[in-house]
């Protein structure tokens, strides 16, 4: 498999669990979520957003000196120390829809969201670099489209202000760059050892499935299904 074919296959594996086609995000885009459903989502998924830097730092700590380790560190710095921390921007979203930051920080996500965090954590700490990069790509390649629809939905249907939408607006472009970095780094790893390609593709599909399953089983989605 040449590199172009590998990259096409990578996107095809992720698309099998295209989060933007999930009923929860479709309802968000159409303004059909209640404020309680949005609050449940904001409260639960804060914990995933806050955990992303720990996935990056765990992966970074395993890598030898070189371009990949620096790319991971650069991504981590953007999450935590360059500008406002992304988790703080998520709390702006939560506060804008009526939740206090303390309540969100002290809340407990549902078991599916806890499982999502544990799975990404285990991958970052234990899996091969190719598989970790594929999992990160499966996540961050979907974020720009989801964030764009999320911001539009908040503005159009929920009267949100710029602070409430800030996390989503930022991620409509920041994660385009991040996902390109993961794709480029993964391509280099696979180019050096083509035998890693099949495992990486499986890892991308697996991670995309984790994200779908977490949303499918979250409290926010259960409220959506019951409405």
C-alpha atoms as a PDB file:
ATOM      1  CA  UNK A   1       0.000   0.000   0.000  1.00  0.00           C
ATOM      2  CA  UNK A   2       1.492   3.349  -1.050  1.00  0.00           C
ATOM      3  CA  UNK A   3       1.241   6.396   1.195  1.00  0.00           C
ATOM      4  CA  UNK A   4      -1.610   8.027  -0.725  1.00  0.00           C
ATOM      5  CA  UNK A   5      -3.648   4.837  -0.588  1.00  0.00           C
ATOM      6  CA  UNK A   6      -2.901   4.502   3.114  1.00  0.00           C
ATOM      7  CA  UNK A   7      -4.130   8.020   3.839  1.00  0.00           C
ATOM      8  CA  UNK A   8      -7.319   7.397   1.856  1.00  0.00           C
ATOM      9  CA  UNK A   9      -7.874   4.166   3.766  1.00  0.00           C
ATOM     10  CA  UNK A  10      -7.267   5.998   7.057  1.00  0.00           C
ATOM     11  CA  UNK A  11     -10.029   8.509   6.316  1.00  0.00           C
ATOM     12  CA  UNK A  12     -12.354   5.746   5.170  1.00  0.00           C
ATOM     13  CA  UNK A  13     -11.892   3.888   8.464  1.00  0.00           C
ATOM     14  CA  UNK A  14     -12.664   7.017  10.491  1.00  0.00           C
ATOM     15  CA  UNK A  15     -15.712   7.806   8.357  1.00  0.00           C
ATOM     16  CA  UNK A  16     -17.276   4.493   9.366  1.00  0.00           C
ATOM     17  CA  UNK A  17     -18.013   6.226  12.682  1.00  0.00           C
ATOM     18  CA  UNK A  18     -18.585   9.768  11.454  1.00  0.00           C
ATOM     19  CA  UNK A  19     -19.621  11.596  14.607  1.00  0.00           C
ATOM     20  CA  UNK A  20     -21.344  14.388  12.741  1.00  0.00           C
ATOM     21  CA  UNK A  21     -23.904  11.864  11.560  1.00  0.00           C
ATOM     22  CA  UNK A  22     -24.708  10.833  15.138  1.00  0.00           C
ATOM     23  CA  UNK A  23     -28.298  11.694  16.099  1.00  0.00           C
ATOM     24  CA  UNK A  24     -27.110  13.778  19.053  1.00  0.00           C
ATOM     25  CA  UNK A  25     -25.011  16.137  16.928  1.00  0.00           C
ATOM     26  CA  UNK A  26     -27.687  16.269  14.268  1.00  0.00           C
ATOM     27  CA  UNK A  27     -30.217  17.338  16.900  1.00  0.00           C
ATOM     28  CA  UNK A  28     -27.770  19.984  18.138  1.00  0.00           C
ATOM     29  CA  UNK A  29     -27.304  21.407  14.647  1.00  0.00           C
ATOM     30  CA  UNK A  30     -31.079  21.572  14.195  1.00  0.00           C
ATOM     31  CA  UNK A  31     -31.723  23.220  17.572  1.00  0.00           C
ATOM     32  CA  UNK A  32     -33.682  20.230  18.847  1.00  0.00           C
ATOM     33  CA  UNK A  33     -31.702  19.683  22.055  1.00  0.00           C
ATOM     34  CA  UNK A  34     -33.089  20.989  25.312  1.00  0.00           C
ATOM     35  CA  UNK A  35     -30.900  23.100  27.549  1.00  0.00           C
ATOM     36  CA  UNK A  36     -30.733  20.158  29.967  1.00  0.00           C
ATOM     37  CA  UNK A  37     -29.340  17.944  27.221  1.00  0.00           C
ATOM     38  CA  UNK A  38     -26.684  20.524  26.352  1.00  0.00           C
ATOM     39  CA  UNK A  39     -25.808  20.892  30.028  1.00  0.00           C
ATOM     40  CA  UNK A  40     -25.426  17.139  30.467  1.00  0.00           C
ATOM     41  CA  UNK A  41     -23.100  17.055  27.465  1.00  0.00           C
ATOM     42  CA  UNK A  42     -21.066  20.036  28.686  1.00  0.00           C
ATOM     43  CA  UNK A  43     -20.701  18.533  32.135  1.00  0.00           C
ATOM     44  CA  UNK A  44     -19.668  15.065  30.982  1.00  0.00           C
ATOM     45  CA  UNK A  45     -17.383  15.910  28.097  1.00  0.00           C
ATOM     46  CA  UNK A  46     -15.428  18.461  30.105  1.00  0.00           C
ATOM     47  CA  UNK A  47     -13.615  15.508  31.633  1.00  0.00           C
ATOM     48  CA  UNK A  48     -12.563  14.201  28.223  1.00  0.00           C
ATOM     49  CA  UNK A  49     -11.416  17.663  27.113  1.00  0.00           C
ATOM     50  CA  UNK A  50      -9.424  18.051  30.335  1.00  0.00           C
ATOM     51  CA  UNK A  51      -7.849  14.608  29.856  1.00  0.00           C
ATOM     52  CA  UNK A  52      -6.595  15.179  26.294  1.00  0.00           C
ATOM     53  CA  UNK A  53      -3.387  16.926  27.470  1.00  0.00           C
ATOM     54  CA  UNK A  54      -2.632  13.945  29.711  1.00  0.00           C
ATOM     55  CA  UNK A  55      -2.850  11.621  26.704  1.00  0.00           C
ATOM     56  CA  UNK A  56      -0.359  13.829  24.898  1.00  0.00           C
ATOM     57  CA  UNK A  57       2.027  14.031  27.831  1.00  0.00           C
ATOM     58  CA  UNK A  58       1.910  10.260  28.357  1.00  0.00           C
ATOM     59  CA  UNK A  59       2.762   9.682  24.690  1.00  0.00           C
ATOM     60  CA  UNK A  60       5.445  12.386  24.700  1.00  0.00           C
ATOM     61  CA  UNK A  61       7.200  10.793  27.685  1.00  0.00           C
ATOM     62  CA  UNK A  62       7.679   7.543  25.752  1.00  0.00           C
ATOM     63  CA  UNK A  63       9.250   9.007  22.630  1.00  0.00           C
ATOM     64  CA  UNK A  64      12.896   9.378  21.703  1.00  0.00           C
ATOM     65  CA  UNK A  65      14.253  12.801  20.854  1.00  0.00           C
ATOM     66  CA  UNK A  66      13.165  13.906  17.409  1.00  0.00           C
ATOM     67  CA  UNK A  67      10.495  15.488  15.257  1.00  0.00           C
ATOM     68  CA  UNK A  68       7.623  13.348  16.512  1.00  0.00           C
ATOM     69  CA  UNK A  69       8.307  14.078  20.178  1.00  0.00           C
ATOM     70  CA  UNK A  70       8.485  17.813  19.430  1.00  0.00           C
ATOM     71  CA  UNK A  71       5.261  17.685  17.432  1.00  0.00           C
ATOM     72  CA  UNK A  72       3.480  16.061  20.375  1.00  0.00           C
ATOM     73  CA  UNK A  73       4.909  18.634  22.781  1.00  0.00           C
ATOM     74  CA  UNK A  74       3.804  21.491  20.521  1.00  0.00           C
ATOM     75  CA  UNK A  75       0.270  20.132  20.478  1.00  0.00           C
ATOM     76  CA  UNK A  76       0.340  19.763  24.259  1.00  0.00           C
ATOM     77  CA  UNK A  77       1.515  23.370  24.668  1.00  0.00           C
ATOM     78  CA  UNK A  78      -1.386  24.600  22.540  1.00  0.00           C
ATOM     79  CA  UNK A  79      -3.820  22.679  24.725  1.00  0.00           C
ATOM     80  CA  UNK A  80      -2.453  23.953  28.027  1.00  0.00           C
ATOM     81  CA  UNK A  81      -0.204  27.020  27.961  1.00  0.00           C
ATOM     82  CA  UNK A  82      -0.373  28.917  24.659  1.00  0.00           C
ATOM     83  CA  UNK A  83      -3.332  31.244  25.083  1.00  0.00           C
ATOM     84  CA  UNK A  84      -6.115  30.004  27.337  1.00  0.00           C
ATOM     85  CA  UNK A  85      -6.212  26.366  28.302  1.00  0.00           C
ATOM     86  CA  UNK A  86      -8.758  24.544  26.182  1.00  0.00           C
ATOM     87  CA  UNK A  87     -10.390  23.066  29.265  1.00  0.00           C
ATOM     88  CA  UNK A  88     -10.990  26.604  30.558  1.00  0.00           C
ATOM     89  CA  UNK A  89     -12.604  27.508  27.246  1.00  0.00           C
ATOM     90  CA  UNK A  90     -14.881  24.485  27.621  1.00  0.00           C
ATOM     91  CA  UNK A  91     -15.894  25.805  31.045  1.00  0.00           C
ATOM     92  CA  UNK A  92     -16.839  29.092  29.332  1.00  0.00           C
ATOM     93  CA  UNK A  93     -19.217  27.044  27.176  1.00  0.00           C
ATOM     94  CA  UNK A  94     -20.650  25.319  30.238  1.00  0.00           C
ATOM     95  CA  UNK A  95     -21.056  28.595  32.103  1.00  0.00           C
ATOM     96  CA  UNK A  96     -22.731  30.188  29.090  1.00  0.00           C
ATOM     97  CA  UNK A  97     -25.487  27.576  29.213  1.00  0.00           C
ATOM     98  CA  UNK A  98     -26.025  27.918  32.946  1.00  0.00           C
ATOM     99  CA  UNK A  99     -23.530  25.642  34.718  1.00  0.00           C
ATOM    100  CA  UNK A 100     -21.002  26.788  37.281  1.00  0.00           C
ATOM    101  CA  UNK A 101     -17.364  25.816  36.627  1.00  0.00           C
ATOM    102  CA  UNK A 102     -17.195  24.208  40.077  1.00  0.00           C
ATOM    103  CA  UNK A 103     -20.186  22.006  39.361  1.00  0.00           C
ATOM    104  CA  UNK A 104     -18.663  20.852  36.080  1.00  0.00           C
ATOM    105  CA  UNK A 105     -15.210  20.189  37.554  1.00  0.00           C
ATOM    106  CA  UNK A 106     -16.693  18.236  40.450  1.00  0.00           C
ATOM    107  CA  UNK A 107     -19.172  16.270  38.355  1.00  0.00           C
ATOM    108  CA  UNK A 108     -18.818  12.659  37.296  1.00  0.00           C
ATOM    109  CA  UNK A 109     -19.210  11.550  33.680  1.00  0.00           C
ATOM    110  CA  UNK A 110     -21.213   8.474  32.783  1.00  0.00           C
ATOM    111  CA  UNK A 111     -19.490   5.107  32.469  1.00  0.00           C
ATOM    112  CA  UNK A 112     -19.257   5.361  28.639  1.00  0.00           C
ATOM    113  CA  UNK A 113     -17.373   8.662  28.872  1.00  0.00           C
ATOM    114  CA  UNK A 114     -15.129   7.295  31.623  1.00  0.00           C
ATOM    115  CA  UNK A 115     -14.409   4.318  29.375  1.00  0.00           C
ATOM    116  CA  UNK A 116     -13.537   6.644  26.506  1.00  0.00           C
ATOM    117  CA  UNK A 117     -11.002   8.466  28.668  1.00  0.00           C
ATOM    118  CA  UNK A 118      -9.518   5.197  29.937  1.00  0.00           C
ATOM    119  CA  UNK A 119      -9.182   3.797  26.420  1.00  0.00           C
ATOM    120  CA  UNK A 120      -7.351   6.821  25.043  1.00  0.00           C
ATOM    121  CA  UNK A 121      -5.169   6.914  28.144  1.00  0.00           C
ATOM    122  CA  UNK A 122      -4.222   3.251  27.746  1.00  0.00           C
ATOM    123  CA  UNK A 123      -3.508   3.724  24.048  1.00  0.00           C
ATOM    124  CA  UNK A 124      -1.255   6.724  24.696  1.00  0.00           C
ATOM    125  CA  UNK A 125       0.685   4.834  27.367  1.00  0.00           C
ATOM    126  CA  UNK A 126       0.945   1.383  25.819  1.00  0.00           C
ATOM    127  CA  UNK A 127       0.350   1.201  22.068  1.00  0.00           C
ATOM    128  CA  UNK A 128       2.850   1.583  19.259  1.00  0.00           C
ATOM    129  CA  UNK A 129       3.518   5.124  18.016  1.00  0.00           C
ATOM    130  CA  UNK A 130       1.723   4.328  14.763  1.00  0.00           C
ATOM    131  CA  UNK A 131      -1.383   3.169  16.599  1.00  0.00           C
ATOM    132  CA  UNK A 132      -1.349   6.175  18.951  1.00  0.00           C
ATOM    133  CA  UNK A 133      -1.036   8.603  16.052  1.00  0.00           C
ATOM    134  CA  UNK A 134      -3.880   6.868  14.248  1.00  0.00           C
ATOM    135  CA  UNK A 135      -6.092   7.133  17.341  1.00  0.00           C
ATOM    136  CA  UNK A 136      -5.282  10.829  17.787  1.00  0.00           C
ATOM    137  CA  UNK A 137      -6.040  11.394  14.102  1.00  0.00           C
ATOM    138  CA  UNK A 138      -9.394   9.620  14.405  1.00  0.00           C
ATOM    139  CA  UNK A 139     -10.328  12.089  17.122  1.00  0.00           C
ATOM    140  CA  UNK A 140      -8.896  15.389  15.937  1.00  0.00           C
ATOM    141  CA  UNK A 141      -9.751  14.954  12.261  1.00  0.00           C
ATOM    142  CA  UNK A 142     -13.441  15.003  13.221  1.00  0.00           C
ATOM    143  CA  UNK A 143     -13.322  17.911  15.667  1.00  0.00           C
ATOM    144  CA  UNK A 144     -13.275  20.813  13.136  1.00  0.00           C
ATOM    145  CA  UNK A 145     -16.527  19.792  11.460  1.00  0.00           C
ATOM    146  CA  UNK A 146     -18.234  18.998  14.751  1.00  0.00           C
ATOM    147  CA  UNK A 147     -17.052  22.281  16.251  1.00  0.00           C
ATOM    148  CA  UNK A 148     -18.236  24.277  13.268  1.00  0.00           C
ATOM    149  CA  UNK A 149     -21.721  22.797  13.452  1.00  0.00           C
ATOM    150  CA  UNK A 150     -21.720  23.157  17.230  1.00  0.00           C
ATOM    151  CA  UNK A 151     -20.865  26.848  17.087  1.00  0.00           C
ATOM    152  CA  UNK A 152     -23.457  27.514  14.393  1.00  0.00           C
ATOM    153  CA  UNK A 153     -26.092  25.653  16.381  1.00  0.00           C
ATOM    154  CA  UNK A 154     -25.322  27.559  19.569  1.00  0.00           C
ATOM    155  CA  UNK A 155     -25.498  30.911  17.798  1.00  0.00           C
ATOM    156  CA  UNK A 156     -28.546  30.133  15.687  1.00  0.00           C
ATOM    157  CA  UNK A 157     -30.731  28.240  18.121  1.00  0.00           C
ATOM    158  CA  UNK A 158     -29.546  28.938  21.668  1.00  0.00           C
ATOM    159  CA  UNK A 159     -28.654  32.636  21.666  1.00  0.00           C
ATOM    160  CA  UNK A 160     -25.053  31.940  22.691  1.00  0.00           C
ATOM    161  CA  UNK A 161     -22.491  34.725  22.927  1.00  0.00           C
ATOM    162  CA  UNK A 162     -18.902  34.672  21.675  1.00  0.00           C
ATOM    163  CA  UNK A 163     -17.481  33.411  24.969  1.00  0.00           C
ATOM    164  CA  UNK A 164     -19.878  30.461  25.029  1.00  0.00           C
ATOM    165  CA  UNK A 165     -18.893  29.561  21.475  1.00  0.00           C
ATOM    166  CA  UNK A 166     -15.166  30.244  21.879  1.00  0.00           C
ATOM    167  CA  UNK A 167     -14.041  26.647  22.347  1.00  0.00           C
ATOM    168  CA  UNK A 168     -15.887  25.533  19.237  1.00  0.00           C
ATOM    169  CA  UNK A 169     -14.776  28.455  17.081  1.00  0.00           C
ATOM    170  CA  UNK A 170     -11.135  27.812  17.999  1.00  0.00           C
ATOM    171  CA  UNK A 171     -11.389  24.136  17.162  1.00  0.00           C
ATOM    172  CA  UNK A 172     -12.865  24.704  13.731  1.00  0.00           C
ATOM    173  CA  UNK A 173      -9.337  25.607  12.617  1.00  0.00           C
ATOM    174  CA  UNK A 174      -6.896  24.538  15.379  1.00  0.00           C
ATOM    175  CA  UNK A 175      -7.653  20.860  14.960  1.00  0.00           C
ATOM    176  CA  UNK A 176      -7.320  21.036  11.194  1.00  0.00           C
ATOM    177  CA  UNK A 177      -3.666  21.781  11.864  1.00  0.00           C
ATOM    178  CA  UNK A 178      -3.404  19.176  14.605  1.00  0.00           C
ATOM    179  CA  UNK A 179      -4.945  16.415  12.520  1.00  0.00           C
ATOM    180  CA  UNK A 180      -2.648  17.285   9.616  1.00  0.00           C
ATOM    181  CA  UNK A 181       0.332  16.924  11.945  1.00  0.00           C
ATOM    182  CA  UNK A 182      -0.845  13.506  13.138  1.00  0.00           C
ATOM    183  CA  UNK A 183      -1.471  12.435   9.557  1.00  0.00           C
ATOM    184  CA  UNK A 184       1.971  13.595   8.435  1.00  0.00           C
ATOM    185  CA  UNK A 185       3.753  11.985  11.365  1.00  0.00           C
ATOM    186  CA  UNK A 186       1.833   8.747  10.916  1.00  0.00           C
ATOM    187  CA  UNK A 187       2.674   8.753   7.214  1.00  0.00           C
ATOM    188  CA  UNK A 188       6.371   9.016   8.052  1.00  0.00           C
ATOM    189  CA  UNK A 189       6.193   6.166  10.545  1.00  0.00           C
ATOM    190  CA  UNK A 190       4.357   3.920   8.105  1.00  0.00           C
ATOM    191  CA  UNK A 191       6.679   4.877   5.237  1.00  0.00           C
ATOM    192  CA  UNK A 192       9.612   3.584   7.297  1.00  0.00           C
ATOM    193  CA  UNK A 193       7.824   0.308   8.043  1.00  0.00           C
ATOM    194  CA  UNK A 194       4.885  -0.589   5.803  1.00  0.00           C
ATOM    195  CA  UNK A 195       4.035  -3.547   8.032  1.00  0.00           C
ATOM    196  CA  UNK A 196       2.579  -1.068  10.535  1.00  0.00           C
ATOM    197  CA  UNK A 197      -0.131   0.111   8.142  1.00  0.00           C
ATOM    198  CA  UNK A 198      -2.787  -2.518   8.892  1.00  0.00           C
ATOM    199  CA  UNK A 199      -2.459  -2.104  12.647  1.00  0.00           C
ATOM    200  CA  UNK A 200      -2.664   1.693  12.368  1.00  0.00           C
ATOM    201  CA  UNK A 201      -5.802   1.512  10.231  1.00  0.00           C
ATOM    202  CA  UNK A 202      -7.410  -0.797  12.758  1.00  0.00           C
ATOM    203  CA  UNK A 203      -6.420   1.569  15.575  1.00  0.00           C
ATOM    204  CA  UNK A 204      -8.025   4.529  13.799  1.00  0.00           C
ATOM    205  CA  UNK A 205     -11.287   2.668  13.280  1.00  0.00           C
ATOM    206  CA  UNK A 206     -11.227   1.413  16.852  1.00  0.00           C
ATOM    207  CA  UNK A 207     -10.728   4.917  18.278  1.00  0.00           C
ATOM    208  CA  UNK A 208     -13.474   6.348  16.071  1.00  0.00           C
ATOM    209  CA  UNK A 209     -15.731   3.622  17.412  1.00  0.00           C
ATOM    210  CA  UNK A 210     -14.857   4.532  21.006  1.00  0.00           C
ATOM    211  CA  UNK A 211     -15.907   8.116  20.366  1.00  0.00           C
ATOM    212  CA  UNK A 212     -19.218   7.019  18.842  1.00  0.00           C
ATOM    213  CA  UNK A 213     -19.920   4.535  21.646  1.00  0.00           C
ATOM    214  CA  UNK A 214     -19.189   7.141  24.322  1.00  0.00           C
ATOM    215  CA  UNK A 215     -21.628   9.590  22.772  1.00  0.00           C
ATOM    216  CA  UNK A 216     -24.171   6.830  22.207  1.00  0.00           C
ATOM    217  CA  UNK A 217     -24.142   5.913  25.890  1.00  0.00           C
ATOM    218  CA  UNK A 218     -23.666   9.321  27.476  1.00  0.00           C
ATOM    219  CA  UNK A 219     -26.230  10.889  29.761  1.00  0.00           C
ATOM    220  CA  UNK A 220     -26.743  13.689  27.230  1.00  0.00           C
ATOM    221  CA  UNK A 221     -27.660  11.269  24.475  1.00  0.00           C
ATOM    222  CA  UNK A 222     -29.955   9.237  26.737  1.00  0.00           C
ATOM    223  CA  UNK A 223     -31.828  12.447  27.525  1.00  0.00           C
ATOM    224  CA  UNK A 224     -31.993  13.179  23.797  1.00  0.00           C
ATOM    225  CA  UNK A 225     -33.397   9.730  23.029  1.00  0.00           C
ATOM    226  CA  UNK A 226     -35.991  10.041  25.781  1.00  0.00           C
ATOM    227  CA  UNK A 227     -37.236  13.451  24.669  1.00  0.00           C
END
